[in-house]
């Protein structure tokens, strides 16, 4: 086996705005689960999770997010938005294109945020949710409130990307910036150059810089969102609760997001919820602790099954 296995072959499907590149494994009639990656990472965060779940009978779909890998915009005039509403809507449109009425959504970072957006706004489409670092919908109105200085330091790139120097830096140093973020996010993760190179190939997407820059400028309330997402962003500004069965995870070796207890992590989860802390795992938890992540998905599916069984039939 290669030292750096790949999720291949890729498939493609067109949604309203995107030609989405994705990996699929497992039986077509299995319970569908979408695995959603973060920034600055790629689908290979799930290189061990995907086959594990496929062997367990899940239909596993791992898409490249907008601006990453082989995913492309269909229209050159569409704004290259990276805002949270766009990421969430992409998931819905992908499910529609694949004719998946309902799925387990699982992710971390940008992908976890997209999953939380869908779970909060369209819970009827979500069987269950697995989210690293809990409730990830951004409170953009509060984005200028400072946090602890040591944590602010870890988010240096947020502020770097507000500047044109940051845009130029990201354009020129995509892999190098990712490496700095990886090492801060996951101080216990001993990744190699080949793993970083594999992910960095996804950053060569022609829309990568525009999507990333817009994402961070929007979340810090410095640029407007795309008009087509204004209604969704207004709903997200209310920080809607998540009602679907959910498992949240915190890595105990996450350099930027300190682990919380269940009471804190469970805020805004009003449905069946379980919180887990994962030893030695950092921010890229699916790649660093794949068995723990896959087990969380199986547990989320069981939570959903128990919830369905508890709902009485009304004829």
C-alpha atoms as a PDB file:
ATOM      1  CA  UNK A   1       0.000   0.000   0.000  1.00  0.00           C
ATOM      2  CA  UNK A   2       1.188   3.522  -0.816  1.00  0.00           C
ATOM      3  CA  UNK A   3       2.454   5.569   2.079  1.00  0.00           C
ATOM      4  CA  UNK A   4      -0.074   8.216   1.058  1.00  0.00           C
ATOM      5  CA  UNK A   5      -3.218   6.422  -0.132  1.00  0.00           C
ATOM      6  CA  UNK A   6      -5.761   8.462  -2.037  1.00  0.00           C
ATOM      7  CA  UNK A   7      -9.537   8.545  -2.162  1.00  0.00           C
ATOM      8  CA  UNK A   8      -9.974   7.551  -5.802  1.00  0.00           C
ATOM      9  CA  UNK A   9     -11.537   7.457  -8.313  1.00  0.00           C
ATOM     10  CA  UNK A  10     -13.426  10.733  -8.119  1.00  0.00           C
ATOM     11  CA  UNK A  11     -16.918  11.227  -9.453  1.00  0.00           C
ATOM     12  CA  UNK A  12     -18.581  14.440 -10.589  1.00  0.00           C
ATOM     13  CA  UNK A  13     -22.108  15.795 -10.341  1.00  0.00           C
ATOM     14  CA  UNK A  14     -23.534  19.177 -11.285  1.00  0.00           C
ATOM     15  CA  UNK A  15     -25.515  21.216  -8.776  1.00  0.00           C
ATOM     16  CA  UNK A  16     -27.058  24.642  -9.296  1.00  0.00           C
ATOM     17  CA  UNK A  17     -23.714  26.442  -9.069  1.00  0.00           C
ATOM     18  CA  UNK A  18     -20.998  23.795  -9.004  1.00  0.00           C
ATOM     19  CA  UNK A  19     -19.490  20.806 -10.707  1.00  0.00           C
ATOM     20  CA  UNK A  20     -18.722  18.906  -7.502  1.00  0.00           C
ATOM     21  CA  UNK A  21     -15.865  16.413  -7.409  1.00  0.00           C
ATOM     22  CA  UNK A  22     -16.429  13.730  -4.798  1.00  0.00           C
ATOM     23  CA  UNK A  23     -15.364  10.278  -3.678  1.00  0.00           C
ATOM     24  CA  UNK A  24     -17.961   7.616  -3.010  1.00  0.00           C
ATOM     25  CA  UNK A  25     -17.685   4.211  -1.367  1.00  0.00           C
ATOM     26  CA  UNK A  26     -19.962   1.621   0.156  1.00  0.00           C
ATOM     27  CA  UNK A  27     -23.278   0.156  -0.965  1.00  0.00           C
ATOM     28  CA  UNK A  28     -25.606   2.473  -2.899  1.00  0.00           C
ATOM     29  CA  UNK A  29     -28.510   1.427  -0.693  1.00  0.00           C
ATOM     30  CA  UNK A  30     -26.604   1.970   2.558  1.00  0.00           C
ATOM     31  CA  UNK A  31     -27.401   4.791   4.986  1.00  0.00           C
ATOM     32  CA  UNK A  32     -25.853   7.875   3.351  1.00  0.00           C
ATOM     33  CA  UNK A  33     -23.215   9.873   5.186  1.00  0.00           C
ATOM     34  CA  UNK A  34     -21.515  13.003   3.878  1.00  0.00           C
ATOM     35  CA  UNK A  35     -18.010  13.673   5.188  1.00  0.00           C
ATOM     36  CA  UNK A  36     -17.117  17.366   4.889  1.00  0.00           C
ATOM     37  CA  UNK A  37     -13.549  18.649   5.103  1.00  0.00           C
ATOM     38  CA  UNK A  38     -12.195  21.895   6.492  1.00  0.00           C
ATOM     39  CA  UNK A  39      -9.633  24.599   5.656  1.00  0.00           C
ATOM     40  CA  UNK A  40      -6.776  24.269   4.864  1.00  0.00           C
ATOM     41  CA  UNK A  41      -7.365  20.556   4.319  1.00  0.00           C
ATOM     42  CA  UNK A  42      -8.997  18.304   1.742  1.00  0.00           C
ATOM     43  CA  UNK A  43     -10.982  15.095   1.353  1.00  0.00           C
ATOM     44  CA  UNK A  44      -8.018  13.021   2.565  1.00  0.00           C
ATOM     45  CA  UNK A  45      -8.849  13.997   6.114  1.00  0.00           C
ATOM     46  CA  UNK A  46     -11.191  11.012   5.659  1.00  0.00           C
ATOM     47  CA  UNK A  47      -8.748   8.648   3.975  1.00  0.00           C
ATOM     48  CA  UNK A  48      -9.162   6.121   6.823  1.00  0.00           C
ATOM     49  CA  UNK A  49     -12.686   7.044   7.938  1.00  0.00           C
ATOM     50  CA  UNK A  50     -14.316   6.513   4.529  1.00  0.00           C
ATOM     51  CA  UNK A  51     -13.288   2.848   4.018  1.00  0.00           C
ATOM     52  CA  UNK A  52     -14.103   2.053   7.643  1.00  0.00           C
ATOM     53  CA  UNK A  53     -17.678   3.292   7.226  1.00  0.00           C
ATOM     54  CA  UNK A  54     -18.065   1.749   3.769  1.00  0.00           C
ATOM     55  CA  UNK A  55     -17.133  -1.650   5.175  1.00  0.00           C
ATOM     56  CA  UNK A  56     -19.771  -1.118   7.877  1.00  0.00           C
ATOM     57  CA  UNK A  57     -22.435  -0.684   5.194  1.00  0.00           C
ATOM     58  CA  UNK A  58     -22.719   3.103   4.911  1.00  0.00           C
ATOM     59  CA  UNK A  59     -22.919   4.891   1.575  1.00  0.00           C
ATOM     60  CA  UNK A  60     -20.029   7.311   2.046  1.00  0.00           C
ATOM     61  CA  UNK A  61     -19.736  10.547   0.038  1.00  0.00           C
ATOM     62  CA  UNK A  62     -16.715  12.819   0.467  1.00  0.00           C
ATOM     63  CA  UNK A  63     -16.973  16.025  -1.625  1.00  0.00           C
ATOM     64  CA  UNK A  64     -14.405  18.703  -2.285  1.00  0.00           C
ATOM     65  CA  UNK A  65     -15.841  21.962  -0.968  1.00  0.00           C
ATOM     66  CA  UNK A  66     -16.191  24.963  -3.280  1.00  0.00           C
ATOM     67  CA  UNK A  67     -12.787  26.342  -4.197  1.00  0.00           C
ATOM     68  CA  UNK A  68     -11.025  23.033  -3.492  1.00  0.00           C
ATOM     69  CA  UNK A  69      -9.766  20.142  -5.573  1.00  0.00           C
ATOM     70  CA  UNK A  70     -11.747  19.265  -8.656  1.00  0.00           C
ATOM     71  CA  UNK A  71     -14.888  21.185  -7.655  1.00  0.00           C
ATOM     72  CA  UNK A  72     -15.551  24.051 -10.079  1.00  0.00           C
ATOM     73  CA  UNK A  73     -18.071  26.851 -10.496  1.00  0.00           C
ATOM     74  CA  UNK A  74     -20.311  26.441 -13.521  1.00  0.00           C
ATOM     75  CA  UNK A  75     -20.657  30.179 -14.146  1.00  0.00           C
ATOM     76  CA  UNK A  76     -17.727  32.575 -14.239  1.00  0.00           C
ATOM     77  CA  UNK A  77     -19.915  35.453 -13.042  1.00  0.00           C
ATOM     78  CA  UNK A  78     -21.099  33.817  -9.803  1.00  0.00           C
ATOM     79  CA  UNK A  79     -19.490  35.429  -6.719  1.00  0.00           C
ATOM     80  CA  UNK A  80     -16.780  33.212  -5.225  1.00  0.00           C
ATOM     81  CA  UNK A  81     -18.343  33.403  -1.794  1.00  0.00           C
ATOM     82  CA  UNK A  82     -16.964  31.429   1.113  1.00  0.00           C
ATOM     83  CA  UNK A  83     -19.640  32.477   3.591  1.00  0.00           C
ATOM     84  CA  UNK A  84     -21.272  29.921   5.871  1.00  0.00           C
ATOM     85  CA  UNK A  85     -24.654  30.060   4.129  1.00  0.00           C
ATOM     86  CA  UNK A  86     -23.030  29.223   0.793  1.00  0.00           C
ATOM     87  CA  UNK A  87     -21.234  26.217   2.268  1.00  0.00           C
ATOM     88  CA  UNK A  88     -24.456  24.934   3.802  1.00  0.00           C
ATOM     89  CA  UNK A  89     -26.476  25.485   0.641  1.00  0.00           C
ATOM     90  CA  UNK A  90     -23.840  23.595  -1.347  1.00  0.00           C
ATOM     91  CA  UNK A  91     -24.500  20.550   0.825  1.00  0.00           C
ATOM     92  CA  UNK A  92     -28.254  20.710   0.200  1.00  0.00           C
ATOM     93  CA  UNK A  93     -27.737  21.118  -3.537  1.00  0.00           C
ATOM     94  CA  UNK A  94     -25.310  18.192  -3.592  1.00  0.00           C
ATOM     95  CA  UNK A  95     -27.832  15.991  -1.789  1.00  0.00           C
ATOM     96  CA  UNK A  96     -30.495  17.063  -4.272  1.00  0.00           C
ATOM     97  CA  UNK A  97     -28.258  16.277  -7.241  1.00  0.00           C
ATOM     98  CA  UNK A  98     -27.502  12.823  -5.832  1.00  0.00           C
ATOM     99  CA  UNK A  99     -31.190  12.299  -4.964  1.00  0.00           C
ATOM    100  CA  UNK A 100     -30.442  11.835  -1.277  1.00  0.00           C
ATOM    101  CA  UNK A 101     -33.439  13.011   0.770  1.00  0.00           C
ATOM    102  CA  UNK A 102     -31.712  12.648   4.142  1.00  0.00           C
ATOM    103  CA  UNK A 103     -28.181  11.883   5.318  1.00  0.00           C
ATOM    104  CA  UNK A 104     -25.856  11.847   8.276  1.00  0.00           C
ATOM    105  CA  UNK A 105     -23.666  14.951   8.022  1.00  0.00           C
ATOM    106  CA  UNK A 106     -20.227  14.881   9.611  1.00  0.00           C
ATOM    107  CA  UNK A 107     -17.394  17.359   9.525  1.00  0.00           C
ATOM    108  CA  UNK A 108     -14.899  19.660  11.168  1.00  0.00           C
ATOM    109  CA  UNK A 109     -13.911  23.280  10.598  1.00  0.00           C
ATOM    110  CA  UNK A 110     -15.560  24.591   7.366  1.00  0.00           C
ATOM    111  CA  UNK A 111     -17.168  21.194   6.789  1.00  0.00           C
ATOM    112  CA  UNK A 112     -18.533  21.006  10.315  1.00  0.00           C
ATOM    113  CA  UNK A 113     -19.926  24.509   9.895  1.00  0.00           C
ATOM    114  CA  UNK A 114     -21.685  23.524   6.659  1.00  0.00           C
ATOM    115  CA  UNK A 115     -23.149  20.495   8.430  1.00  0.00           C
ATOM    116  CA  UNK A 116     -24.372  22.615  11.355  1.00  0.00           C
ATOM    117  CA  UNK A 117     -25.956  25.134   8.971  1.00  0.00           C
ATOM    118  CA  UNK A 118     -27.987  22.408   7.272  1.00  0.00           C
ATOM    119  CA  UNK A 119     -28.892  20.712  10.569  1.00  0.00           C
ATOM    120  CA  UNK A 120     -30.157  24.016  11.997  1.00  0.00           C
ATOM    121  CA  UNK A 121     -32.041  25.323   8.956  1.00  0.00           C
ATOM    122  CA  UNK A 122     -33.233  22.127   7.269  1.00  0.00           C
ATOM    123  CA  UNK A 123     -33.310  19.425   9.964  1.00  0.00           C
ATOM    124  CA  UNK A 124     -35.652  17.286   7.855  1.00  0.00           C
ATOM    125  CA  UNK A 125     -32.662  16.622   5.554  1.00  0.00           C
ATOM    126  CA  UNK A 126     -30.371  15.444   8.368  1.00  0.00           C
ATOM    127  CA  UNK A 127     -30.539  11.986   9.922  1.00  0.00           C
ATOM    128  CA  UNK A 128     -27.880  12.888  12.480  1.00  0.00           C
ATOM    129  CA  UNK A 129     -24.918  15.212  12.910  1.00  0.00           C
ATOM    130  CA  UNK A 130     -21.285  14.725  13.928  1.00  0.00           C
ATOM    131  CA  UNK A 131     -19.418  17.984  14.501  1.00  0.00           C
ATOM    132  CA  UNK A 132     -15.892  18.594  15.751  1.00  0.00           C
ATOM    133  CA  UNK A 133     -15.818  21.592  18.130  1.00  0.00           C
ATOM    134  CA  UNK A 134     -19.576  21.583  18.554  1.00  0.00           C
ATOM    135  CA  UNK A 135     -21.911  24.316  17.324  1.00  0.00           C
ATOM    136  CA  UNK A 136     -20.038  26.049  14.507  1.00  0.00           C
ATOM    137  CA  UNK A 137     -22.555  28.556  13.154  1.00  0.00           C
ATOM    138  CA  UNK A 138     -20.793  31.918  13.211  1.00  0.00           C
ATOM    139  CA  UNK A 139     -22.129  34.787  15.288  1.00  0.00           C
ATOM    140  CA  UNK A 140     -20.890  37.393  12.817  1.00  0.00           C
ATOM    141  CA  UNK A 141     -22.365  40.303  14.764  1.00  0.00           C
ATOM    142  CA  UNK A 142     -20.028  39.422  17.643  1.00  0.00           C
ATOM    143  CA  UNK A 143     -16.963  38.833  15.475  1.00  0.00           C
ATOM    144  CA  UNK A 144     -15.114  41.892  16.809  1.00  0.00           C
ATOM    145  CA  UNK A 145     -15.236  40.706  20.421  1.00  0.00           C
ATOM    146  CA  UNK A 146     -11.694  39.717  21.433  1.00  0.00           C
ATOM    147  CA  UNK A 147     -10.754  36.348  22.870  1.00  0.00           C
ATOM    148  CA  UNK A 148      -7.759  35.212  24.957  1.00  0.00           C
ATOM    149  CA  UNK A 149      -4.494  36.535  23.488  1.00  0.00           C
ATOM    150  CA  UNK A 150      -2.951  33.085  23.135  1.00  0.00           C
ATOM    151  CA  UNK A 151      -5.964  31.950  21.127  1.00  0.00           C
ATOM    152  CA  UNK A 152      -5.970  35.145  19.053  1.00  0.00           C
ATOM    153  CA  UNK A 153      -2.380  34.315  18.093  1.00  0.00           C
ATOM    154  CA  UNK A 154      -3.521  31.013  16.634  1.00  0.00           C
ATOM    155  CA  UNK A 155      -5.965  32.831  14.386  1.00  0.00           C
ATOM    156  CA  UNK A 156      -3.318  35.083  12.849  1.00  0.00           C
ATOM    157  CA  UNK A 157      -4.447  34.118   9.363  1.00  0.00           C
ATOM    158  CA  UNK A 158      -7.948  35.526   9.968  1.00  0.00           C
ATOM    159  CA  UNK A 159      -6.426  38.997  10.174  1.00  0.00           C
ATOM    160  CA  UNK A 160      -3.750  38.360   7.542  1.00  0.00           C
ATOM    161  CA  UNK A 161      -6.476  37.523   5.038  1.00  0.00           C
ATOM    162  CA  UNK A 162      -8.179  40.865   5.703  1.00  0.00           C
ATOM    163  CA  UNK A 163      -5.295  42.553   3.888  1.00  0.00           C
ATOM    164  CA  UNK A 164      -4.215  42.547   0.264  1.00  0.00           C
ATOM    165  CA  UNK A 165      -0.827  41.389   1.508  1.00  0.00           C
ATOM    166  CA  UNK A 166      -2.648  38.336   2.886  1.00  0.00           C
ATOM    167  CA  UNK A 167      -4.332  37.692  -0.444  1.00  0.00           C
ATOM    168  CA  UNK A 168      -0.957  37.861  -2.190  1.00  0.00           C
ATOM    169  CA  UNK A 169       0.583  35.638   0.461  1.00  0.00           C
ATOM    170  CA  UNK A 170      -2.114  33.001   0.100  1.00  0.00           C
ATOM    171  CA  UNK A 171      -1.753  33.112  -3.672  1.00  0.00           C
ATOM    172  CA  UNK A 172       1.992  32.545  -3.484  1.00  0.00           C
ATOM    173  CA  UNK A 173       2.290  30.307  -0.414  1.00  0.00           C
ATOM    174  CA  UNK A 174      -0.753  28.022  -0.266  1.00  0.00           C
ATOM    175  CA  UNK A 175       1.147  24.983   0.963  1.00  0.00           C
ATOM    176  CA  UNK A 176       3.350  26.952   3.360  1.00  0.00           C
ATOM    177  CA  UNK A 177       0.426  28.704   5.026  1.00  0.00           C
ATOM    178  CA  UNK A 178      -1.351  25.379   5.396  1.00  0.00           C
ATOM    179  CA  UNK A 179       1.690  23.853   7.069  1.00  0.00           C
ATOM    180  CA  UNK A 180       1.893  26.650   9.644  1.00  0.00           C
ATOM    181  CA  UNK A 181      -1.822  26.291  10.412  1.00  0.00           C
ATOM    182  CA  UNK A 182      -1.598  22.493  10.616  1.00  0.00           C
ATOM    183  CA  UNK A 183       1.242  22.619  13.139  1.00  0.00           C
ATOM    184  CA  UNK A 184      -0.601  25.099  15.362  1.00  0.00           C
ATOM    185  CA  UNK A 185      -3.938  23.310  15.037  1.00  0.00           C
ATOM    186  CA  UNK A 186      -2.522  19.864  15.772  1.00  0.00           C
ATOM    187  CA  UNK A 187       0.724  20.048  17.782  1.00  0.00           C
ATOM    188  CA  UNK A 188       0.710  16.287  18.514  1.00  0.00           C
ATOM    189  CA  UNK A 189       0.101  15.206  14.902  1.00  0.00           C
ATOM    190  CA  UNK A 190       3.269  13.952  13.225  1.00  0.00           C
ATOM    191  CA  UNK A 191       2.270  14.385   9.596  1.00  0.00           C
ATOM    192  CA  UNK A 192       4.790  14.074   6.799  1.00  0.00           C
ATOM    193  CA  UNK A 193       5.598  16.074   3.680  1.00  0.00           C
ATOM    194  CA  UNK A 194       3.728  13.585   1.508  1.00  0.00           C
ATOM    195  CA  UNK A 195       0.499  14.059   3.497  1.00  0.00           C
ATOM    196  CA  UNK A 196       0.796  17.828   3.241  1.00  0.00           C
ATOM    197  CA  UNK A 197       1.568  17.617  -0.494  1.00  0.00           C
ATOM    198  CA  UNK A 198      -1.492  15.427  -1.037  1.00  0.00           C
ATOM    199  CA  UNK A 199      -3.765  17.989   0.593  1.00  0.00           C
ATOM    200  CA  UNK A 200      -2.011  20.975  -0.970  1.00  0.00           C
ATOM    201  CA  UNK A 201      -2.851  19.701  -4.449  1.00  0.00           C
ATOM    202  CA  UNK A 202      -6.463  20.672  -3.641  1.00  0.00           C
ATOM    203  CA  UNK A 203      -5.380  24.298  -3.155  1.00  0.00           C
ATOM    204  CA  UNK A 204      -4.452  24.662  -6.834  1.00  0.00           C
ATOM    205  CA  UNK A 205      -8.131  25.181  -7.625  1.00  0.00           C
ATOM    206  CA  UNK A 206      -8.502  28.485  -9.543  1.00  0.00           C
ATOM    207  CA  UNK A 207     -11.131  29.747  -7.081  1.00  0.00           C
ATOM    208  CA  UNK A 208      -9.301  28.743  -3.903  1.00  0.00           C
ATOM    209  CA  UNK A 209      -7.905  32.155  -3.024  1.00  0.00           C
ATOM    210  CA  UNK A 210     -11.102  34.071  -3.749  1.00  0.00           C
ATOM    211  CA  UNK A 211     -13.268  31.660  -1.741  1.00  0.00           C
ATOM    212  CA  UNK A 212     -10.896  31.573   1.243  1.00  0.00           C
ATOM    213  CA  UNK A 213     -10.369  35.334   1.345  1.00  0.00           C
ATOM    214  CA  UNK A 214     -14.099  36.005   1.144  1.00  0.00           C
ATOM    215  CA  UNK A 215     -14.814  33.443   3.857  1.00  0.00           C
ATOM    216  CA  UNK A 216     -12.575  35.117   6.433  1.00  0.00           C
ATOM    217  CA  UNK A 217     -13.462  38.675   5.481  1.00  0.00           C
ATOM    218  CA  UNK A 218     -17.154  37.848   5.686  1.00  0.00           C
ATOM    219  CA  UNK A 219     -16.932  36.096   9.036  1.00  0.00           C
ATOM    220  CA  UNK A 220     -15.163  39.161  10.472  1.00  0.00           C
ATOM    221  CA  UNK A 221     -17.934  41.419   9.165  1.00  0.00           C
ATOM    222  CA  UNK A 222     -15.642  43.209   6.723  1.00  0.00           C
ATOM    223  CA  UNK A 223     -17.354  42.395   3.416  1.00  0.00           C
ATOM    224  CA  UNK A 224     -20.966  41.643   2.480  1.00  0.00           C
ATOM    225  CA  UNK A 225     -22.192  38.216   1.542  1.00  0.00           C
ATOM    226  CA  UNK A 226     -23.549  37.250  -1.849  1.00  0.00           C
ATOM    227  CA  UNK A 227     -27.109  38.593  -2.189  1.00  0.00           C
ATOM    228  CA  UNK A 228     -28.581  35.174  -2.924  1.00  0.00           C
ATOM    229  CA  UNK A 229     -27.648  34.000   0.581  1.00  0.00           C
ATOM    230  CA  UNK A 230     -28.993  37.029   2.459  1.00  0.00           C
ATOM    231  CA  UNK A 231     -32.144  35.230   3.675  1.00  0.00           C
ATOM    232  CA  UNK A 232     -30.135  32.273   4.963  1.00  0.00           C
ATOM    233  CA  UNK A 233     -27.603  34.541   6.668  1.00  0.00           C
ATOM    234  CA  UNK A 234     -30.439  36.402   8.404  1.00  0.00           C
ATOM    235  CA  UNK A 235     -31.676  33.083   9.780  1.00  0.00           C
ATOM    236  CA  UNK A 236     -28.174  32.070  10.864  1.00  0.00           C
ATOM    237  CA  UNK A 237     -27.729  35.404  12.649  1.00  0.00           C
ATOM    238  CA  UNK A 238     -30.380  34.197  15.106  1.00  0.00           C
ATOM    239  CA  UNK A 239     -28.077  31.292  16.053  1.00  0.00           C
ATOM    240  CA  UNK A 240     -30.834  28.707  15.574  1.00  0.00           C
ATOM    241  CA  UNK A 241     -30.728  25.597  17.782  1.00  0.00           C
ATOM    242  CA  UNK A 242     -29.880  22.189  16.391  1.00  0.00           C
ATOM    243  CA  UNK A 243     -32.620  19.656  17.005  1.00  0.00           C
ATOM    244  CA  UNK A 244     -31.279  16.589  15.183  1.00  0.00           C
ATOM    245  CA  UNK A 245     -29.449  13.794  17.035  1.00  0.00           C
ATOM    246  CA  UNK A 246     -25.839  14.926  17.387  1.00  0.00           C
ATOM    247  CA  UNK A 247     -22.436  13.755  18.558  1.00  0.00           C
ATOM    248  CA  UNK A 248     -19.883  16.506  19.171  1.00  0.00           C
ATOM    249  CA  UNK A 249     -16.160  15.928  19.520  1.00  0.00           C
ATOM    250  CA  UNK A 250     -13.271  17.919  20.954  1.00  0.00           C
ATOM    251  CA  UNK A 251      -9.657  16.885  20.504  1.00  0.00           C
ATOM    252  CA  UNK A 252      -7.632  17.149  23.691  1.00  0.00           C
ATOM    253  CA  UNK A 253      -4.600  18.210  21.621  1.00  0.00           C
ATOM    254  CA  UNK A 254      -6.291  20.924  19.573  1.00  0.00           C
ATOM    255  CA  UNK A 255      -3.960  23.922  19.562  1.00  0.00           C
ATOM    256  CA  UNK A 256      -6.646  26.520  18.821  1.00  0.00           C
ATOM    257  CA  UNK A 257      -9.886  25.130  20.239  1.00  0.00           C
ATOM    258  CA  UNK A 258      -9.580  24.023  23.882  1.00  0.00           C
ATOM    259  CA  UNK A 259     -11.716  21.019  24.755  1.00  0.00           C
ATOM    260  CA  UNK A 260     -14.924  21.702  26.662  1.00  0.00           C
ATOM    261  CA  UNK A 261     -17.122  19.653  28.945  1.00  0.00           C
ATOM    262  CA  UNK A 262     -20.491  18.330  27.779  1.00  0.00           C
ATOM    263  CA  UNK A 263     -22.492  21.184  29.307  1.00  0.00           C
ATOM    264  CA  UNK A 264     -20.563  23.853  27.411  1.00  0.00           C
ATOM    265  CA  UNK A 265     -20.207  21.864  24.209  1.00  0.00           C
ATOM    266  CA  UNK A 266     -23.923  21.049  24.226  1.00  0.00           C
ATOM    267  CA  UNK A 267     -25.084  24.652  24.112  1.00  0.00           C
ATOM    268  CA  UNK A 268     -27.628  25.138  21.305  1.00  0.00           C
ATOM    269  CA  UNK A 269     -28.055  21.381  20.812  1.00  0.00           C
ATOM    270  CA  UNK A 270     -31.612  20.727  21.965  1.00  0.00           C
ATOM    271  CA  UNK A 271     -32.099  17.249  20.500  1.00  0.00           C
ATOM    272  CA  UNK A 272     -30.401  14.016  21.587  1.00  0.00           C
ATOM    273  CA  UNK A 273     -26.764  14.943  22.120  1.00  0.00           C
ATOM    274  CA  UNK A 274     -23.554  13.343  23.315  1.00  0.00           C
ATOM    275  CA  UNK A 275     -20.169  15.010  23.704  1.00  0.00           C
ATOM    276  CA  UNK A 276     -16.833  13.199  23.536  1.00  0.00           C
ATOM    277  CA  UNK A 277     -13.252  14.244  24.192  1.00  0.00           C
ATOM    278  CA  UNK A 278     -10.635  12.510  22.046  1.00  0.00           C
ATOM    279  CA  UNK A 279      -7.124  12.082  23.514  1.00  0.00           C
ATOM    280  CA  UNK A 280      -4.109  13.166  21.426  1.00  0.00           C
ATOM    281  CA  UNK A 281      -6.295  14.497  18.598  1.00  0.00           C
ATOM    282  CA  UNK A 282      -6.026  17.995  17.202  1.00  0.00           C
ATOM    283  CA  UNK A 283      -8.191  20.062  14.891  1.00  0.00           C
ATOM    284  CA  UNK A 284      -8.053  17.672  11.919  1.00  0.00           C
ATOM    285  CA  UNK A 285      -9.657  15.052  14.101  1.00  0.00           C
ATOM    286  CA  UNK A 286     -10.913  12.631  11.390  1.00  0.00           C
ATOM    287  CA  UNK A 287      -7.388  12.144  10.066  1.00  0.00           C
ATOM    288  CA  UNK A 288      -5.692  12.128  13.450  1.00  0.00           C
ATOM    289  CA  UNK A 289      -8.222   9.842  15.195  1.00  0.00           C
ATOM    290  CA  UNK A 290     -10.149   8.083  12.407  1.00  0.00           C
ATOM    291  CA  UNK A 291     -11.519   5.273  14.562  1.00  0.00           C
ATOM    292  CA  UNK A 292     -12.944   7.732  17.087  1.00  0.00           C
ATOM    293  CA  UNK A 293     -14.544   9.752  14.296  1.00  0.00           C
ATOM    294  CA  UNK A 294     -16.016   6.709  12.555  1.00  0.00           C
ATOM    295  CA  UNK A 295     -17.328   5.425  15.882  1.00  0.00           C
ATOM    296  CA  UNK A 296     -19.026   8.789  16.477  1.00  0.00           C
ATOM    297  CA  UNK A 297     -20.864   8.420  13.163  1.00  0.00           C
ATOM    298  CA  UNK A 298     -22.055   4.936  14.066  1.00  0.00           C
ATOM    299  CA  UNK A 299     -23.188   6.237  17.460  1.00  0.00           C
ATOM    300  CA  UNK A 300     -25.006   9.150  15.828  1.00  0.00           C
ATOM    301  CA  UNK A 301     -26.836   6.700  13.571  1.00  0.00           C
ATOM    302  CA  UNK A 302     -27.876   4.743  16.661  1.00  0.00           C
ATOM    303  CA  UNK A 303     -29.089   7.939  18.374  1.00  0.00           C
ATOM    304  CA  UNK A 304     -31.209   8.669  15.323  1.00  0.00           C
ATOM    305  CA  UNK A 305     -32.616   5.129  15.273  1.00  0.00           C
ATOM    306  CA  UNK A 306     -33.558   5.308  18.960  1.00  0.00           C
ATOM    307  CA  UNK A 307     -35.223   8.656  18.399  1.00  0.00           C
ATOM    308  CA  UNK A 308     -37.267   7.291  15.502  1.00  0.00           C
ATOM    309  CA  UNK A 309     -38.318   4.301  17.587  1.00  0.00           C
ATOM    310  CA  UNK A 310     -39.497   6.587  20.389  1.00  0.00           C
ATOM    311  CA  UNK A 311     -41.768   8.648  18.138  1.00  0.00           C
ATOM    312  CA  UNK A 312     -45.286   7.196  18.293  1.00  0.00           C
ATOM    313  CA  UNK A 313     -47.116   6.506  15.034  1.00  0.00           C
ATOM    314  CA  UNK A 314     -50.163   8.664  14.478  1.00  0.00           C
ATOM    315  CA  UNK A 315     -52.569   7.145  11.930  1.00  0.00           C
END
